[in-house]
Amino acid sequence: MYILLFSHRTLKMNNLLIITSAFFSSFFTHHSFTSAVLKCPAPEDTVTASFGKFISEIKPQHLSSVVLHRSKRMVLDSIGVGVIGSTTDVFELALQHCQHMYTPDDISSVYGRRGTRLSPTLAAFVNGVATHSMDFDDTWHPATHPSGAVLPAVLALSDMMPTNRKPSGLDFLLAFNVGLEIQGRLMRFSNEAHNIPKRGLEASPLVLDAVAGVAGFSAFYEDYVPQPLKSPSGDSHMFLLEEQDIGFKRFPAHLGMHWVADAAASVHKLLVGVGPGTISPAQIQDIQLRVPKSKYINRPFPESEHEARHSFQFNACSALLDGEVTVQSFTPSAMSRPELLALLSRVHMEHPHDNPANFNCMYGEVQVTLAGGDTLKGRCDTFYGHWRNPLTNESLRKKFRNNAGTVLPSEKVERLIDVVDELDKHENCTSLLSQLQ
């Protein structure tokens, strides 16, 4: 079951590890292999070739201050999410599996496991599993989790580099942004990008092109229309991250849950006021949710932590009962509360035509009918943490401290905040790598 759950993430992780590895190889061996490269024939004029050319030619000076700021926030959040994810059962299962696989190059570190090393590929895999294991990682539009696939690969490859050849902090951030850029561009080639892949990839110099008979990205989506990626011109390149900010989650659940949670929390405030207070199910006769139609997050009575993270009903009722949804909301004791189960039994769903299953334009609405017949309504069009309403640095750091502090001592947590904040000024990334265990 776990293999099925993470097969798509494994595929994406391996693809981006190859992309990022190619970038590092190009960057650090450019001068040694210049003569060999010059003797090679010119590449074909293909979409895939244009992406390869972009990867080889992009430079640190192409990173704007906006991109540096946003990507450092992503690095910090992703590390915190990965560290708390290293406490999950699915991470432990993936780690045990990888530790039984023979590899001669156990040189890359693992989140939350001091002294544990794996090969770069396996370390990237298990750290990617940790990052996504609680569905707490950042989200982009079109729907994808960008950092969870890219950052573990960059960290694993940085660990692999010799001490005297570690990438600088700026080069580290450039590699990270290359992975984000490639992923973001690919997601924009299809309007079906949210669909489950129909088949795997084949190694091919045309893997990004829409060519009949090649099992590349065109095999995933019927409406895949790839476009060449222009190489940077002079000192300028407009990264997608500059145009489109990232969504950060305040609690570990599917992104769509944040709309209904915020809407339900606003109703909670109406019922109990701004101070502390509790809600009794006896007060509530009916709960109406108006949300997008999406079968896999319509789970009236979730039976597992995973199902609860993907249930409109559960997250709305948790926020209605407690005023918020937190990491603790998904523990067995919280999920089995009689008060919560009573509220779940009173939920009904509507799917208005003006509420599409699209993270850029959906909304969440919660209407509660009280026992006396009065109604209260809460609506969220843009939750706090969405790319249109991003978390402040203070909120992001609070989330990081809560997550990383579950495993790491407080001094390391604070040191990581400082290191990531100044990462683009560090001569090498050893200062970051050393704090992750």
Protein backbone atom coordinates (compact mmCIF):
# COMPACT_ATOMS: atom_id res chain seq x y z
CA MET A 1 0.00 0.00 0.00
CA TYR A 2 2.81 2.40 0.89
CA ILE A 3 4.48 1.70 -2.44
CA LEU A 4 1.26 2.68 -4.21
CA LEU A 5 0.92 5.82 -2.09
CA PHE A 6 4.40 7.03 -2.87
CA SER A 7 5.01 5.65 -6.37
CA HIS A 8 4.18 8.97 -8.05
CA ARG A 9 6.32 10.92 -5.58
CA THR A 10 9.20 8.44 -6.11
CA LEU A 11 8.98 8.95 -9.86
CA LYS A 12 9.04 12.74 -9.50
CA MET A 13 11.87 12.54 -6.97
CA ASN A 14 14.05 10.45 -9.25
CA ASN A 15 13.38 12.68 -12.25
CA LEU A 16 14.27 15.84 -10.35
CA LEU A 17 17.32 14.20 -8.78
CA ILE A 18 18.56 13.55 -12.31
CA ILE A 19 17.80 17.15 -13.35
CA THR A 20 19.49 18.65 -10.29
CA SER A 21 22.42 16.26 -10.55
CA ALA A 22 22.88 17.31 -14.16
CA PHE A 23 22.96 20.94 -13.07
CA PHE A 24 25.58 20.34 -10.38
CA SER A 25 27.69 18.27 -12.74
CA SER A 26 27.50 20.99 -15.36
CA PHE A 27 28.29 23.76 -12.89
CA PHE A 28 31.24 22.16 -11.12
CA THR A 29 32.87 20.39 -14.07
CA HIS A 30 32.32 23.02 -16.76
CA HIS A 31 35.95 24.07 -17.01
CA SER A 32 37.31 20.52 -16.93
CA PHE A 33 35.17 19.32 -19.81
CA THR A 34 34.93 22.41 -22.00
CA SER A 35 37.04 20.91 -24.77
CA ALA A 36 35.02 17.69 -24.79
CA VAL A 37 31.76 19.58 -24.97
CA LEU A 38 32.95 21.68 -27.87
CA LYS A 39 33.68 18.53 -29.87
CA CYS A 40 30.13 17.24 -29.47
CA PRO A 41 27.64 17.88 -32.27
CA ALA A 42 25.05 20.60 -31.74
CA PRO A 43 21.94 19.29 -29.97
CA GLU A 44 18.70 18.86 -31.84
CA ASP A 45 16.24 21.72 -31.75
CA THR A 46 13.85 20.06 -29.30
CA VAL A 47 12.00 21.08 -26.15
CA THR A 48 14.11 18.65 -24.13
CA ALA A 49 17.32 20.14 -25.53
CA SER A 50 16.14 23.66 -24.65
CA PHE A 51 15.65 22.60 -21.03
CA GLY A 52 19.12 21.07 -20.95
CA LYS A 53 20.63 24.24 -22.40
CA PHE A 54 18.83 26.35 -19.81
CA ILE A 55 20.14 24.16 -16.96
CA SER A 56 23.71 24.47 -18.21
CA GLU A 57 23.61 28.24 -18.75
CA ILE A 58 21.68 29.59 -15.77
CA LYS A 59 23.86 31.49 -13.28
CA PRO A 60 23.50 32.80 -9.70
CA GLN A 61 23.20 36.38 -10.93
CA HIS A 62 19.90 35.44 -12.56
CA LEU A 63 18.32 35.04 -9.11
CA SER A 64 16.46 38.22 -8.19
CA SER A 65 16.04 39.42 -4.60
CA VAL A 66 12.38 38.30 -4.74
CA VAL A 67 13.32 34.79 -5.86
CA LEU A 68 16.04 34.52 -3.21
CA HIS A 69 13.65 35.65 -0.47
CA ARG A 70 10.86 33.29 -1.51
CA SER A 71 13.10 30.29 -2.07
CA LYS A 72 14.82 30.69 1.33
CA ARG A 73 11.37 30.67 2.95
CA MET A 74 10.62 27.47 1.06
CA VAL A 75 13.89 25.85 2.17
CA LEU A 76 13.20 26.67 5.82
CA ASP A 77 9.61 25.44 5.72
CA SER A 78 10.51 22.25 3.85
CA ILE A 79 13.26 21.33 6.30
CA GLY A 80 10.89 21.77 9.24
CA VAL A 81 8.19 19.72 7.56
CA GLY A 82 10.74 17.01 6.69
CA VAL A 83 12.08 16.86 10.24
CA ILE A 84 8.66 16.38 11.84
CA GLY A 85 7.82 13.97 9.00
CA SER A 86 10.75 11.80 10.14
CA THR A 87 8.62 10.83 13.15
CA THR A 88 5.91 9.17 11.03
CA ASP A 89 5.39 5.45 10.50
CA VAL A 90 5.56 5.68 6.72
CA PHE A 91 8.96 7.40 6.90
CA GLU A 92 10.24 4.69 9.24
CA LEU A 93 9.04 2.00 6.82
CA ALA A 94 10.74 3.71 3.86
CA LEU A 95 13.96 4.18 5.84
CA GLN A 96 14.09 0.54 6.97
CA HIS A 97 13.54 -0.59 3.39
CA CYS A 98 16.37 1.62 2.09
CA GLN A 99 18.74 0.51 4.85
CA HIS A 100 18.37 -3.07 3.64
CA MET A 101 19.38 -2.12 0.10
CA TYR A 102 23.09 -2.48 -0.60
CA THR A 103 24.79 0.68 -1.82
CA PRO A 104 28.52 1.41 -1.53
CA ASP A 105 28.13 5.18 -1.13
CA ASP A 106 26.30 5.88 2.13
CA ILE A 107 27.29 9.54 2.29
CA SER A 108 24.07 11.58 2.41
CA SER A 109 22.26 12.38 5.65
CA VAL A 110 18.69 11.59 6.61
CA TYR A 111 16.20 13.91 8.33
CA GLY A 112 15.91 13.29 12.05
CA ARG A 113 18.39 10.40 12.19
CA ARG A 114 21.74 11.50 13.60
CA GLY A 115 24.57 9.43 12.14
CA THR A 116 22.39 7.67 9.55
CA ARG A 117 23.69 7.88 5.98
CA LEU A 118 22.35 6.53 2.69
CA SER A 119 23.33 6.82 -0.95
CA PRO A 120 22.35 10.19 -2.47
CA THR A 121 19.46 8.62 -4.38
CA LEU A 122 18.04 6.77 -1.37
CA ALA A 123 18.58 9.74 0.97
CA ALA A 124 16.70 11.97 -1.45
CA PHE A 125 13.90 9.41 -1.57
CA VAL A 126 13.44 8.94 2.18
CA ASN A 127 13.73 12.66 2.89
CA GLY A 128 11.12 13.25 0.21
CA VAL A 129 8.86 10.71 1.90
CA ALA A 130 9.40 12.49 5.23
CA THR A 131 8.49 15.84 3.69
CA HIS A 132 5.22 14.62 2.18
CA SER A 133 4.28 12.01 4.79
CA MET A 134 1.94 14.40 6.67
CA ASP A 135 0.85 16.43 3.62
CA PHE A 136 2.36 19.44 5.37
CA ASP A 137 4.61 20.59 2.51
CA ASP A 138 4.24 23.70 0.38
CA THR A 139 1.97 23.84 -2.66
CA TRP A 140 2.17 25.66 -5.96
CA HIS A 141 -0.26 26.32 -8.79
CA PRO A 142 -0.91 24.29 -10.94
CA ALA A 143 -1.20 21.84 -8.07
CA THR A 144 2.16 20.39 -7.08
CA HIS A 145 4.37 20.14 -4.00
CA PRO A 146 7.56 21.78 -5.31
CA SER A 147 10.04 21.69 -2.41
CA GLY A 148 9.42 18.09 -1.33
CA ALA A 149 10.86 16.70 -4.54
CA VAL A 150 13.62 19.26 -5.12
CA LEU A 151 15.21 20.09 -1.76
CA PRO A 152 15.99 16.48 -0.71
CA ALA A 153 17.80 16.01 -4.03
CA VAL A 154 19.86 19.19 -3.61
CA LEU A 155 20.75 18.28 -0.01
CA ALA A 156 21.77 14.73 -0.96
CA LEU A 157 23.98 15.94 -3.80
CA SER A 158 25.54 18.63 -1.60
CA ASP A 159 26.42 15.94 0.94
CA MET A 160 28.00 13.97 -1.88
CA MET A 161 30.39 16.75 -2.91
CA PRO A 162 33.91 16.70 -1.38
CA THR A 163 34.50 19.05 1.54
CA ASN A 164 36.63 21.40 -0.54
CA ARG A 165 34.08 21.43 -3.37
CA LYS A 166 30.84 22.04 -1.51
CA PRO A 167 28.56 24.44 -3.39
CA SER A 168 28.23 27.92 -2.00
CA GLY A 169 24.96 28.92 -0.41
CA LEU A 170 24.11 30.89 -3.54
CA ASP A 171 24.87 27.93 -5.81
CA PHE A 172 22.75 25.75 -3.52
CA LEU A 173 19.82 28.14 -3.93
CA LEU A 174 20.39 28.29 -7.68
CA ALA A 175 20.19 24.48 -7.94
CA PHE A 176 17.04 24.53 -5.81
CA ASN A 177 15.46 27.15 -8.06
CA VAL A 178 16.44 25.22 -11.20
CA GLY A 179 14.49 22.23 -9.86
CA LEU A 180 11.51 24.45 -9.06
CA GLU A 181 11.62 26.13 -12.45
CA ILE A 182 11.72 22.87 -14.40
CA GLN A 183 8.89 21.41 -12.33
CA GLY A 184 6.79 24.56 -12.66
CA ARG A 185 7.27 24.80 -16.43
CA LEU A 186 6.26 21.18 -16.91
CA MET A 187 3.11 21.64 -14.85
CA ARG A 188 2.05 24.52 -17.07
CA PHE A 189 2.16 22.44 -20.26
CA SER A 190 -1.15 20.73 -19.42
CA ASN A 191 -4.52 21.70 -17.98
CA GLU A 192 -4.85 18.08 -16.80
CA ALA A 193 -1.82 18.39 -14.52
CA HIS A 194 -3.81 17.28 -11.46
CA ASN A 195 -4.64 13.89 -12.98
CA ILE A 196 -3.00 10.63 -11.89
CA PRO A 197 -0.27 9.60 -14.37
CA LYS A 198 -1.25 6.89 -16.80
CA ARG A 199 2.21 5.36 -17.20
CA GLY A 200 5.86 5.79 -16.33
CA LEU A 201 8.71 7.50 -18.14
CA GLU A 202 11.33 6.09 -20.47
CA ALA A 203 14.85 7.41 -20.77
CA SER A 204 14.89 9.44 -23.96
CA PRO A 205 16.45 12.64 -25.34
CA LEU A 206 12.86 13.59 -26.21
CA VAL A 207 11.38 12.98 -22.75
CA LEU A 208 9.87 16.49 -22.56
CA ASP A 209 8.70 16.64 -26.19
CA ALA A 210 5.27 15.59 -27.46
CA VAL A 211 6.41 12.80 -29.77
CA ALA A 212 4.41 9.72 -30.68
CA GLY A 213 6.01 6.50 -29.46
CA VAL A 214 8.06 8.18 -26.72
CA ALA A 215 6.81 7.54 -23.16
CA GLY A 216 7.75 10.98 -21.91
CA PHE A 217 5.63 13.57 -20.16
CA SER A 218 3.22 13.58 -23.10
CA ALA A 219 2.12 10.10 -21.99
CA PHE A 220 0.77 11.61 -18.75
CA TYR A 221 -1.74 14.10 -20.16
CA GLU A 222 -3.93 14.25 -23.26
CA ASP A 223 -3.55 18.02 -23.60
CA TYR A 224 0.24 18.19 -23.08
CA VAL A 225 1.64 21.04 -25.22
CA PRO A 226 5.31 21.62 -24.36
CA GLN A 227 7.14 24.84 -25.12
CA PRO A 228 10.91 25.39 -25.38
CA LEU A 229 12.54 27.01 -22.35
CA LYS A 230 14.53 30.06 -23.38
CA SER A 231 18.09 30.29 -22.14
CA PRO A 232 18.89 33.24 -19.87
CA SER A 233 19.62 36.46 -21.71
CA GLY A 234 22.52 38.40 -20.25
CA ASP A 235 21.91 38.80 -16.53
CA SER A 236 18.16 38.38 -16.72
CA HIS A 237 15.74 35.49 -16.42
CA MET A 238 12.23 35.70 -15.01
CA PHE A 239 11.79 32.67 -12.75
CA LEU A 240 8.25 31.40 -12.24
CA LEU A 241 8.76 31.86 -8.51
CA GLU A 242 8.94 35.61 -9.10
CA GLU A 243 5.57 35.57 -10.86
CA GLN A 244 3.85 33.01 -8.60
CA ASP A 245 4.46 32.82 -4.85
CA ILE A 246 4.06 29.61 -2.82
CA GLY A 247 1.29 28.42 -0.54
CA PHE A 248 2.40 27.36 2.97
CA LYS A 249 0.15 25.17 5.11
CA ARG A 250 -0.58 26.05 8.73
CA PHE A 251 -1.62 22.48 9.54
CA PRO A 252 -0.82 19.08 7.97
CA ALA A 253 -3.62 18.35 5.52
CA HIS A 254 -4.60 18.64 1.87
CA LEU A 255 -4.50 22.28 0.77
CA GLY A 256 -8.25 22.38 0.10
CA MET A 257 -8.87 21.74 3.79
CA HIS A 258 -7.52 25.18 4.69
CA TRP A 259 -10.49 26.94 3.10
CA VAL A 260 -13.12 25.03 5.09
CA ALA A 261 -11.05 25.16 8.27
CA ASP A 262 -10.81 28.95 8.14
CA ALA A 263 -14.51 29.27 7.31
CA ALA A 264 -15.46 26.96 10.19
CA ALA A 265 -13.11 28.75 12.59
CA SER A 266 -14.91 32.01 11.87
CA VAL A 267 -18.21 30.35 12.84
CA HIS A 268 -16.56 29.04 16.02
CA LYS A 269 -15.70 32.62 16.96
CA LEU A 270 -19.30 33.68 16.43
CA LEU A 271 -20.46 30.93 18.78
CA VAL A 272 -17.97 31.38 21.63
CA GLY A 273 -16.66 34.93 21.11
CA VAL A 274 -13.02 35.88 20.93
CA GLY A 275 -12.11 34.35 24.30
CA PRO A 276 -11.68 30.67 25.17
CA GLY A 277 -14.83 28.65 25.00
CA THR A 278 -16.23 25.30 23.97
CA ILE A 279 -18.96 24.21 21.61
CA SER A 280 -21.42 21.47 22.45
CA PRO A 281 -22.92 19.35 19.66
CA ALA A 282 -26.27 19.93 21.34
CA GLN A 283 -26.09 23.54 20.10
CA ILE A 284 -25.90 22.45 16.46
CA GLN A 285 -28.67 20.95 14.34
CA ASP A 286 -27.07 20.92 10.87
CA ILE A 287 -23.75 21.76 9.16
CA GLN A 288 -23.72 22.64 5.47
CA LEU A 289 -20.41 22.73 3.54
CA ARG A 290 -20.20 24.42 0.14
CA VAL A 291 -16.98 23.20 -1.43
CA PRO A 292 -15.64 22.08 -4.84
CA LYS A 293 -16.60 18.62 -6.06
CA SER A 294 -13.66 16.31 -5.51
CA LYS A 295 -14.25 12.66 -4.70
CA TYR A 296 -11.03 11.83 -2.88
CA ILE A 297 -11.43 14.62 -0.30
CA ASN A 298 -15.11 13.87 0.33
CA ARG A 299 -14.75 11.53 3.31
CA PRO A 300 -17.72 11.77 5.73
CA PHE A 301 -16.26 9.52 8.45
CA PRO A 302 -12.48 9.15 8.03
CA GLU A 303 -11.06 6.05 9.68
CA SER A 304 -7.36 6.85 9.47
CA GLU A 305 -5.03 9.80 9.88
CA HIS A 306 -4.46 9.86 6.12
CA GLU A 307 -8.18 9.93 5.39
CA ALA A 308 -8.70 12.69 7.97
CA ARG A 309 -6.09 14.85 6.24
CA HIS A 310 -8.15 14.48 3.07
CA SER A 311 -11.65 15.08 4.44
CA PHE A 312 -13.58 18.32 4.05
CA GLN A 313 -15.96 17.11 6.74
CA PHE A 314 -13.32 16.25 9.34
CA ASN A 315 -11.36 19.49 9.01
CA ALA A 316 -14.48 21.66 9.06
CA CYS A 317 -15.81 19.94 12.19
CA SER A 318 -12.43 20.03 13.94
CA ALA A 319 -12.15 23.78 13.34
CA LEU A 320 -15.77 24.31 14.36
CA LEU A 321 -15.22 22.42 17.61
CA ASP A 322 -11.75 23.73 18.53
CA GLY A 323 -11.44 27.00 16.64
CA GLU A 324 -8.44 25.69 14.67
CA VAL A 325 -6.85 22.62 13.13
CA THR A 326 -3.38 21.61 14.35
CA VAL A 327 -0.93 18.72 14.19
CA GLN A 328 -2.67 17.26 17.27
CA SER A 329 -6.05 17.26 15.49
CA PHE A 330 -5.03 14.09 13.63
CA THR A 331 -4.04 12.01 16.65
CA PRO A 332 -6.20 8.95 17.43
CA SER A 333 -7.54 10.51 20.63
CA ALA A 334 -8.62 13.71 18.86
CA MET A 335 -10.16 11.83 15.94
CA SER A 336 -12.25 9.55 18.18
CA ARG A 337 -13.81 12.27 20.36
CA PRO A 338 -17.59 11.73 20.75
CA GLU A 339 -18.21 15.46 20.22
CA LEU A 340 -16.38 15.39 16.88
CA LEU A 341 -18.19 12.25 15.72
CA ALA A 342 -21.51 13.84 16.63
CA LEU A 343 -20.73 16.90 14.50
CA LEU A 344 -19.61 14.72 11.58
CA SER A 345 -23.01 13.01 11.57
CA ARG A 346 -24.69 16.38 10.93
CA VAL A 347 -22.65 17.44 7.90
CA HIS A 348 -24.11 17.81 4.41
CA MET A 349 -22.20 18.84 1.29
CA GLU A 350 -23.07 21.09 -1.63
CA HIS A 351 -20.97 21.69 -4.74
CA PRO A 352 -21.90 25.08 -6.25
CA HIS A 353 -21.15 25.54 -9.94
CA ASP A 354 -19.19 28.70 -9.18
CA ASN A 355 -16.78 26.80 -6.92
CA PRO A 356 -14.32 24.91 -9.15
CA ALA A 357 -11.72 22.43 -7.89
CA ASN A 358 -8.92 24.91 -8.52
CA PHE A 359 -6.63 26.24 -5.81
CA ASN A 360 -6.49 29.63 -7.49
CA CYS A 361 -10.24 30.37 -7.46
CA MET A 362 -12.09 27.99 -5.11
CA TYR A 363 -13.74 28.97 -1.84
CA GLY A 364 -15.00 27.26 1.29
CA GLU A 365 -18.29 28.08 2.97
CA VAL A 366 -19.68 26.68 6.22
CA GLN A 367 -23.26 27.28 7.30
CA VAL A 368 -24.34 26.10 10.73
CA THR A 369 -28.01 25.80 11.74
CA LEU A 370 -28.39 26.03 15.49
CA ALA A 371 -30.83 24.02 17.59
CA GLY A 372 -33.08 27.06 17.89
CA GLY A 373 -33.22 27.56 14.12
CA ASP A 374 -30.78 30.46 13.77
CA THR A 375 -28.04 30.16 11.15
CA LEU A 376 -24.42 31.26 11.22
CA LYS A 377 -22.24 31.40 8.13
CA GLY A 378 -18.50 31.59 7.52
CA ARG A 379 -16.75 31.89 4.18
CA CYS A 380 -13.10 31.80 3.13
CA ASP A 381 -11.99 32.94 -0.32
CA THR A 382 -8.25 33.07 0.42
CA PHE A 383 -6.90 31.37 3.54
CA TYR A 384 -3.91 32.67 5.50
CA GLY A 385 -0.91 30.95 3.94
CA HIS A 386 -2.21 30.99 0.35
CA TRP A 387 0.09 32.59 -2.24
CA ARG A 388 -2.29 35.56 -2.37
CA ASN A 389 -2.15 35.89 1.43
CA PRO A 390 1.28 34.52 2.40
CA LEU A 391 2.42 33.74 5.91
CA THR A 392 4.52 36.45 7.51
CA ASN A 393 8.11 35.59 8.34
CA GLU A 394 7.08 35.47 11.98
CA SER A 395 4.33 32.92 11.28
CA LEU A 396 6.61 30.85 9.06
CA ARG A 397 9.31 30.73 11.72
CA LYS A 398 6.77 29.78 14.37
CA LYS A 399 5.67 26.86 12.21
CA PHE A 400 9.32 25.87 11.68
CA ARG A 401 10.11 26.01 15.40
CA ASN A 402 7.09 23.83 16.21
CA ASN A 403 7.98 21.27 13.53
CA ALA A 404 11.77 21.08 13.81
CA GLY A 405 11.61 21.30 17.60
CA THR A 406 9.91 17.91 17.77
CA VAL A 407 13.27 16.31 16.90
CA LEU A 408 16.08 18.86 17.04
CA PRO A 409 17.36 20.74 20.12
CA SER A 410 16.30 24.39 20.32
CA GLU A 411 19.80 25.72 19.64
CA LYS A 412 19.94 23.84 16.33
CA VAL A 413 16.48 25.04 15.42
CA GLU A 414 17.49 28.67 15.96
CA ARG A 415 20.80 28.14 14.17
CA LEU A 416 18.97 26.70 11.15
CA ILE A 417 16.74 29.77 10.99
CA ASP A 418 19.81 32.01 10.97
CA VAL A 419 21.72 29.89 8.44
CA VAL A 420 18.87 29.71 5.94
CA ASP A 421 18.18 33.42 6.29
CA GLU A 422 21.79 34.20 5.30
CA LEU A 423 22.33 31.19 3.02
CA ASP A 424 23.03 33.23 -0.12
CA LYS A 425 25.97 34.87 1.68
CA HIS A 426 27.68 31.65 2.82
CA GLU A 427 30.83 30.54 1.01
CA ASN A 428 29.69 26.92 1.18
CA CYS A 429 26.61 25.09 2.39
CA THR A 430 28.39 23.06 5.09
CA SER A 431 26.87 25.35 7.71
CA LEU A 432 23.42 24.17 6.58
CA LEU A 433 24.26 20.48 6.20
CA SER A 434 25.87 20.30 9.64
CA GLN A 435 22.68 21.45 11.38
CA LEU A 436 20.38 18.84 9.89
CA GLN A 437 21.31 16.01 12.23
